[in-house]
Amino acid sequence: MESARAQARLNKIIMYVILIIMAFIMLVPFAWMILTALKTTQEAISVDPFYIFPSNGWHWENFASVWESYNFVILYKNTLLMILLRVLFACLTATMAGYAFGRLNFPGKKFFFSLILIQMMIPSQIFIIPQYVMASKLGWLNTVMGLVFPGLVTAFGTYLLKTGYQGLPKDLEEAAAIDGCNIGQRFLNIMMPLTRSSMVSLGIFTALFAFKDLMWPMIVCPKIETTTLSAGLAKMQGQYGSEYPTMMAAAVLAVVPMIVIYVIFQKQFVEGIATSGGKL
């Protein structure tokens, strides 16, 4: 018995050591980004000697310089609006389509769901040209709706919510039908609230994908006053070249919104990832 407890304790210690090492490895790039943002350009590119920490004080003016060059308030607003609207539309359309495919029977159900699966298998870059043409015809170039346009519907979200609805017992819906609820009432009052965890998972993934989206914002919103943080950083790379401290200061400012969102919704993040079986 004692040997078994000792072995279990040893395994637990080894597991924690490995997790601590992996956490340290994950945090090194973020720490290096912040340290580089506080250096001079000479310190950032120097190899011999190699500077880990700034040698001539902390250069906070790098943040002021990049903040004055680019209006980060507008970039924050555009990015947060895009994330909010994409999450809203993705959850709204995916939960209705998921309910239809998961709980209802209608002509062509398998065919239409096959189209959704095919869309998930095709690289998203293939749809950029037709999406751009549609956004241009709608007059959405250099607008927030242009940024949101590809996220109005989501094949992944439809599949995720369909799986969630299929996992619910049929007795609930049948009991509601016996009580006189029509299909809309069954969907809104009975079934949709039970898929909250799936919608939380979809919202998390949609927000992350929207925040990291680079190609579409650069194409549909080339103007700096209408683009997002990711596209703005790409434009900064072309402007500042090898001025790594300034670029890293911009990167630090860019990750602030997601850090704040995670801190506020940490519980929902953990719950959504755990219940979906996915990973970031």
Protein backbone atom coordinates (compact mmCIF):
# COMPACT_ATOMS: atom_id res chain seq x y z
CA MET A 1 0.00 0.00 0.00
CA GLU A 2 2.77 2.45 0.92
CA SER A 3 4.67 1.69 -2.26
CA ALA A 4 1.53 2.33 -4.33
CA ARG A 5 0.98 5.69 -2.61
CA ALA A 6 4.62 6.62 -3.11
CA GLN A 7 4.40 5.71 -6.80
CA ALA A 8 1.20 7.74 -7.20
CA ARG A 9 2.84 10.71 -5.44
CA LEU A 10 5.91 10.40 -7.69
CA ASN A 11 3.74 10.27 -10.82
CA LYS A 12 1.86 13.36 -9.67
CA ILE A 13 5.11 15.25 -9.05
CA ILE A 14 6.45 14.27 -12.48
CA MET A 15 3.19 15.38 -14.10
CA TYR A 16 3.32 18.78 -12.38
CA VAL A 17 6.98 19.26 -13.34
CA ILE A 18 6.18 18.51 -16.98
CA LEU A 19 3.19 20.88 -16.92
CA ILE A 20 5.29 23.66 -15.36
CA ILE A 21 8.00 23.20 -18.00
CA MET A 22 5.42 23.27 -20.80
CA ALA A 23 3.74 26.36 -19.33
CA PHE A 24 7.15 28.08 -19.17
CA ILE A 25 7.84 27.20 -22.81
CA MET A 26 4.44 28.60 -23.80
CA LEU A 27 5.07 31.87 -21.95
CA VAL A 28 8.59 32.48 -23.31
CA PRO A 29 7.42 34.05 -26.63
CA PHE A 30 5.08 36.44 -24.80
CA ALA A 31 7.81 37.41 -22.33
CA TRP A 32 10.27 37.94 -25.17
CA MET A 33 7.72 40.09 -27.04
CA ILE A 34 7.27 42.36 -24.01
CA LEU A 35 11.02 42.58 -23.30
CA THR A 36 11.78 43.41 -26.94
CA ALA A 37 9.13 46.14 -26.89
CA LEU A 38 11.04 47.82 -24.06
CA LYS A 39 14.48 47.75 -25.76
CA THR A 40 16.20 49.98 -28.28
CA THR A 41 16.56 48.80 -31.86
CA GLN A 42 20.28 48.19 -31.34
CA GLU A 43 19.62 46.02 -28.29
CA ALA A 44 16.90 44.07 -30.10
CA ILE A 45 19.13 43.11 -33.07
CA SER A 46 22.39 42.72 -31.13
CA VAL A 47 23.89 39.21 -31.07
CA ASP A 48 27.19 39.87 -29.34
CA PRO A 49 26.46 40.89 -26.68
CA PHE A 50 23.01 39.29 -26.49
CA TYR A 51 20.53 41.30 -24.41
CA ILE A 52 17.71 39.53 -22.60
CA PHE A 53 16.73 42.58 -20.58
CA PRO A 54 17.09 46.22 -21.69
CA SER A 55 20.52 47.49 -20.66
CA ASN A 56 19.78 51.23 -20.81
CA GLY A 57 16.46 51.43 -19.03
CA TRP A 58 12.92 50.52 -20.04
CA HIS A 59 11.91 52.33 -23.22
CA TRP A 60 8.18 52.88 -22.75
CA GLU A 61 8.27 55.48 -25.52
CA ASN A 62 8.01 52.63 -28.04
CA PHE A 63 4.39 52.19 -27.00
CA ALA A 64 3.72 55.93 -27.27
CA SER A 65 5.34 56.03 -30.72
CA VAL A 66 3.25 53.24 -32.20
CA TRP A 67 0.08 54.52 -30.47
CA GLU A 68 0.57 57.93 -32.10
CA SER A 69 1.35 56.44 -35.52
CA TYR A 70 -1.75 54.26 -35.61
CA ASN A 71 -5.12 55.01 -34.04
CA PHE A 72 -5.44 51.90 -31.90
CA VAL A 73 -8.80 53.05 -30.56
CA ILE A 74 -10.27 52.63 -34.06
CA LEU A 75 -8.48 49.29 -34.55
CA TYR A 76 -9.83 48.08 -31.19
CA LYS A 77 -13.35 49.21 -32.11
CA ASN A 78 -13.28 47.56 -35.54
CA THR A 79 -11.88 44.30 -34.15
CA LEU A 80 -14.30 44.07 -31.23
CA LEU A 81 -17.29 44.93 -33.43
CA MET A 82 -16.26 42.27 -35.93
CA ILE A 83 -15.84 39.65 -33.18
CA LEU A 84 -19.15 40.55 -31.52
CA LEU A 85 -21.17 40.49 -34.75
CA ARG A 86 -19.53 37.32 -36.05
CA VAL A 87 -20.24 35.52 -32.78
CA LEU A 88 -23.84 36.79 -32.77
CA PHE A 89 -24.59 35.79 -36.38
CA ALA A 90 -22.71 32.48 -36.13
CA CYS A 91 -24.61 31.38 -33.02
CA LEU A 92 -27.95 32.57 -34.44
CA THR A 93 -27.68 30.88 -37.82
CA ALA A 94 -25.88 27.75 -36.58
CA THR A 95 -28.38 26.99 -33.82
CA MET A 96 -31.34 27.22 -36.24
CA ALA A 97 -29.62 25.18 -38.95
CA GLY A 98 -28.31 22.70 -36.38
CA TYR A 99 -31.80 22.19 -35.00
CA ALA A 100 -33.21 21.65 -38.48
CA PHE A 101 -30.57 19.10 -39.43
CA GLY A 102 -30.48 17.42 -36.03
CA ARG A 103 -34.17 17.16 -35.10
CA LEU A 104 -36.34 17.68 -38.19
CA ASN A 105 -37.03 15.61 -41.28
CA PHE A 106 -37.47 17.41 -44.60
CA PRO A 107 -36.83 16.65 -48.30
CA GLY A 108 -33.18 16.93 -49.31
CA LYS A 109 -31.88 16.92 -45.72
CA LYS A 110 -28.96 14.60 -46.41
CA PHE A 111 -28.05 16.42 -49.63
CA PHE A 112 -27.95 19.86 -48.02
CA PHE A 113 -25.99 18.59 -45.03
CA SER A 114 -23.52 17.00 -47.45
CA LEU A 115 -22.98 20.45 -48.96
CA ILE A 116 -22.13 21.77 -45.49
CA LEU A 117 -19.63 18.96 -44.94
CA ILE A 118 -18.07 19.65 -48.34
CA GLN A 119 -17.70 23.32 -47.43
CA MET A 120 -15.80 22.30 -44.28
CA MET A 121 -13.39 20.22 -46.39
CA ILE A 122 -12.61 22.98 -48.92
CA PRO A 123 -9.96 25.62 -48.02
CA SER A 124 -11.62 28.90 -47.10
CA GLN A 125 -9.33 30.82 -49.50
CA ILE A 126 -11.33 29.42 -52.43
CA PHE A 127 -14.35 31.47 -51.35
CA ILE A 128 -12.48 34.79 -51.07
CA ILE A 129 -13.08 35.96 -54.67
CA PRO A 130 -16.86 35.30 -54.74
CA GLN A 131 -17.19 36.72 -51.22
CA TYR A 132 -15.31 39.86 -52.28
CA VAL A 133 -17.53 40.27 -55.35
CA MET A 134 -20.65 39.90 -53.20
CA ALA A 135 -19.36 42.38 -50.59
CA SER A 136 -18.50 44.84 -53.37
CA LYS A 137 -21.96 44.55 -54.94
CA LEU A 138 -23.53 45.16 -51.51
CA GLY A 139 -21.36 48.25 -50.96
CA TRP A 140 -19.66 46.75 -47.91
CA LEU A 141 -16.04 47.43 -48.83
CA ASN A 142 -14.20 49.30 -46.05
CA THR A 143 -17.11 48.77 -43.64
CA VAL A 144 -17.67 46.70 -40.52
CA MET A 145 -20.29 44.61 -42.35
CA GLY A 146 -17.63 43.77 -44.92
CA LEU A 147 -15.46 42.38 -42.11
CA VAL A 148 -18.39 40.39 -40.72
CA PHE A 149 -19.65 39.07 -44.08
CA PRO A 150 -17.76 35.70 -44.17
CA GLY A 151 -18.92 34.94 -40.63
CA LEU A 152 -22.65 35.40 -41.21
CA VAL A 153 -22.99 31.61 -41.50
CA THR A 154 -20.64 28.85 -40.39
CA ALA A 155 -20.46 25.26 -41.59
CA PHE A 156 -18.43 24.25 -38.53
CA GLY A 157 -21.02 25.81 -36.21
CA THR A 158 -23.89 24.07 -37.99
CA TYR A 159 -22.15 20.72 -37.59
CA LEU A 160 -21.33 21.42 -33.92
CA LEU A 161 -24.90 22.45 -33.05
CA LYS A 162 -26.38 19.55 -35.05
CA THR A 163 -24.32 17.19 -32.90
CA GLY A 164 -25.50 18.99 -29.77
CA TYR A 165 -29.18 18.72 -30.70
CA GLN A 166 -28.83 15.06 -31.64
CA GLY A 167 -27.47 14.34 -28.16
CA LEU A 168 -30.63 15.59 -26.46
CA PRO A 169 -33.31 13.04 -25.49
CA LYS A 170 -36.39 12.89 -27.71
CA ASP A 171 -38.69 12.64 -24.69
CA LEU A 172 -38.30 16.35 -23.93
CA GLU A 173 -39.50 17.42 -27.34
CA GLU A 174 -42.29 14.86 -27.41
CA ALA A 175 -43.54 15.98 -23.99
CA ALA A 176 -43.55 19.60 -25.16
CA ALA A 177 -45.52 18.61 -28.28
CA ILE A 178 -48.10 16.79 -26.13
CA ASP A 179 -48.46 19.95 -24.01
CA GLY A 180 -49.38 21.88 -27.15
CA CYS A 181 -46.08 23.58 -28.05
CA ASN A 182 -45.55 24.25 -31.73
CA ILE A 183 -42.18 23.78 -33.43
CA GLY A 184 -41.08 27.33 -32.70
CA GLN A 185 -41.92 27.08 -29.01
CA ARG A 186 -40.17 23.72 -28.73
CA PHE A 187 -37.07 25.18 -30.32
CA LEU A 188 -36.94 28.45 -28.39
CA ASN A 189 -38.14 27.33 -24.96
CA ILE A 190 -37.04 23.70 -24.70
CA MET A 191 -34.24 22.70 -27.06
CA MET A 192 -32.13 25.80 -27.62
CA PRO A 193 -31.45 26.52 -23.90
CA LEU A 194 -30.16 22.93 -23.52
CA THR A 195 -27.43 23.54 -26.14
CA ARG A 196 -25.92 26.45 -24.23
CA SER A 197 -22.56 24.71 -23.81
CA SER A 198 -22.32 24.03 -27.56
CA MET A 199 -23.12 27.68 -28.34
CA VAL A 200 -20.51 28.83 -25.82
CA SER A 201 -17.96 26.59 -27.56
CA LEU A 202 -18.97 27.97 -30.95
CA GLY A 203 -18.73 31.54 -29.65
CA ILE A 204 -15.21 30.90 -28.33
CA PHE A 205 -13.95 29.37 -31.56
CA THR A 206 -15.64 32.05 -33.67
CA ALA A 207 -14.08 34.83 -31.58
CA LEU A 208 -10.61 33.29 -31.84
CA PHE A 209 -10.87 32.70 -35.58
CA ALA A 210 -12.17 36.24 -36.14
CA PHE A 211 -9.39 37.79 -34.06
CA LYS A 212 -6.71 35.87 -36.01
CA ASP A 213 -8.25 36.51 -39.44
CA LEU A 214 -5.71 38.36 -41.58
CA MET A 215 -6.30 37.82 -45.29
CA TRP A 216 -9.96 38.88 -45.47
CA PRO A 217 -9.59 42.19 -43.54
CA MET A 218 -6.59 43.15 -45.71
CA ILE A 219 -8.60 42.50 -48.87
CA VAL A 220 -12.01 43.94 -47.99
CA CYS A 221 -10.85 46.80 -45.74
CA PRO A 222 -7.46 48.08 -46.97
CA LYS A 223 -7.91 51.48 -45.34
CA ILE A 224 -6.26 51.65 -41.92
CA GLU A 225 -9.27 53.41 -40.38
CA THR A 226 -11.57 50.51 -41.27
CA THR A 227 -9.33 47.48 -40.77
CA THR A 228 -8.62 45.24 -37.77
CA LEU A 229 -5.69 44.69 -35.43
CA SER A 230 -4.24 41.74 -37.37
CA ALA A 231 -4.29 43.61 -40.69
CA GLY A 232 -3.00 46.74 -38.97
CA LEU A 233 0.00 44.82 -37.63
CA ALA A 234 0.77 43.55 -41.12
CA LYS A 235 0.77 47.12 -42.42
CA MET A 236 3.06 48.15 -39.54
CA GLN A 237 5.55 45.46 -40.52
CA GLY A 238 5.88 47.06 -43.93
CA GLN A 239 6.18 50.56 -42.45
CA TYR A 240 8.66 49.94 -39.62
CA GLY A 241 10.82 47.27 -41.28
CA SER A 242 13.50 46.16 -38.81
CA GLU A 243 12.35 48.41 -35.95
CA TYR A 244 11.53 45.36 -33.85
CA PRO A 245 10.86 47.19 -30.55
CA THR A 246 8.14 49.29 -32.19
CA MET A 247 6.63 46.25 -33.89
CA MET A 248 6.65 44.27 -30.65
CA ALA A 249 5.04 47.20 -28.83
CA ALA A 250 2.26 47.12 -31.44
CA ALA A 251 1.91 43.35 -30.96
CA VAL A 252 1.58 43.79 -27.19
CA LEU A 253 -1.15 46.38 -27.69
CA ALA A 254 -2.88 44.05 -30.16
CA VAL A 255 -3.16 41.10 -27.74
CA VAL A 256 -4.61 43.23 -24.92
CA PRO A 257 -8.28 42.84 -26.05
CA MET A 258 -8.15 39.03 -26.10
CA ILE A 259 -6.42 38.94 -22.71
CA VAL A 260 -9.13 41.17 -21.23
CA ILE A 261 -11.88 39.07 -22.84
CA TYR A 262 -10.32 35.89 -21.48
CA VAL A 263 -10.01 37.30 -17.96
CA ILE A 264 -13.66 38.37 -17.99
CA PHE A 265 -15.03 35.17 -19.53
CA GLN A 266 -12.49 32.70 -18.17
CA LYS A 267 -15.15 30.41 -16.71
CA GLN A 268 -17.07 30.28 -19.99
CA PHE A 269 -13.84 29.62 -21.92
CA VAL A 270 -12.95 26.63 -19.75
CA GLU A 271 -16.51 25.30 -19.78
CA GLY A 272 -16.86 25.64 -23.52
CA ILE A 273 -13.55 23.98 -24.36
CA ALA A 274 -14.15 21.15 -21.87
CA THR A 275 -17.68 20.38 -23.04
CA SER A 276 -16.80 20.55 -26.75
CA GLY A 277 -13.79 18.29 -26.45
CA GLY A 278 -11.83 20.79 -28.53
CA LYS A 279 -8.56 22.54 -27.97
CA LEU A 280 -7.20 26.00 -28.66
